[in-house]
Amino acid sequence: MKLLLAPALAGIVLGTLPVSSTKVVVSGAVNEPKALSLDKPIPLREAIHAAGGLRPDADAMRIAVQFREGHQSVYNATLPGPLCLIRPGDRVDVPVRDEGKYVHVSGAVGSPGYVEFAGGLNVREALSRAGGMITDASVVKVTRNAGDAGPEIYVLNLDDDSDGGDFLVQPADRIEVPHARSMAASDRELLTIIVVGLLILLLVK
């Protein structure tokens, strides 16, 4: 038996015929899960924004897109730049973040937020993945959840001759980098005295 195509359909692959749906379903850890009505492709970030944006517990590094053709891709929305275009018939699913897969880095770093955990990850590498330190501070604090015993806090020295940066982190650890300290009151007073003294010398001359 032969399948004959009308001349108008010649050359069309049946598996790629347009999908009739005009909806894009955005579900999971977004503030307003919904089916969006689309008449043209839109960027993935725009689709998420239209669904109320990401919830605080969203795993922005593992946003799954099920394309209407049947294949699936995972996107990291914490990276800059465009991700992909969403078309009618696609599905977007934002998973809830599993704290056990990440280390949280905050404070004076280039890109505060979550860093994906991998075996053998140390403090120095975690800071590098978070954009590096943007302060001249040499001490960081690591807070670790020890269950019923309460949090364990480690204060690490990252000076070049110290091995504090080699400290191995664990999943769900929180690394905090202090910002450069503001000038203390005593420092300001000393600076004021020096400036006033210089002005007096200039006036005397």
Foldseek 3Di string as FASTA:
>chain_A
DDDDDDPVCPPPDPLPDDDPFQWEFEDEQAPATDIDGHPFKDFPQVVSVVRRHGHPQWQQAFKWKQAQSGDIDGHRNLDDDTDDIHGGNMYIYIYGDDQQQWEFEDEQADAGGTDGDDPQDFQQVSRVVRHHGPAPDQWKKKWDQPDPVGIDIDIFGRPPPGCSRSHDDGRNIYIYDYHPDDDDPVNVVVVVVVVVVVVVVVVVD
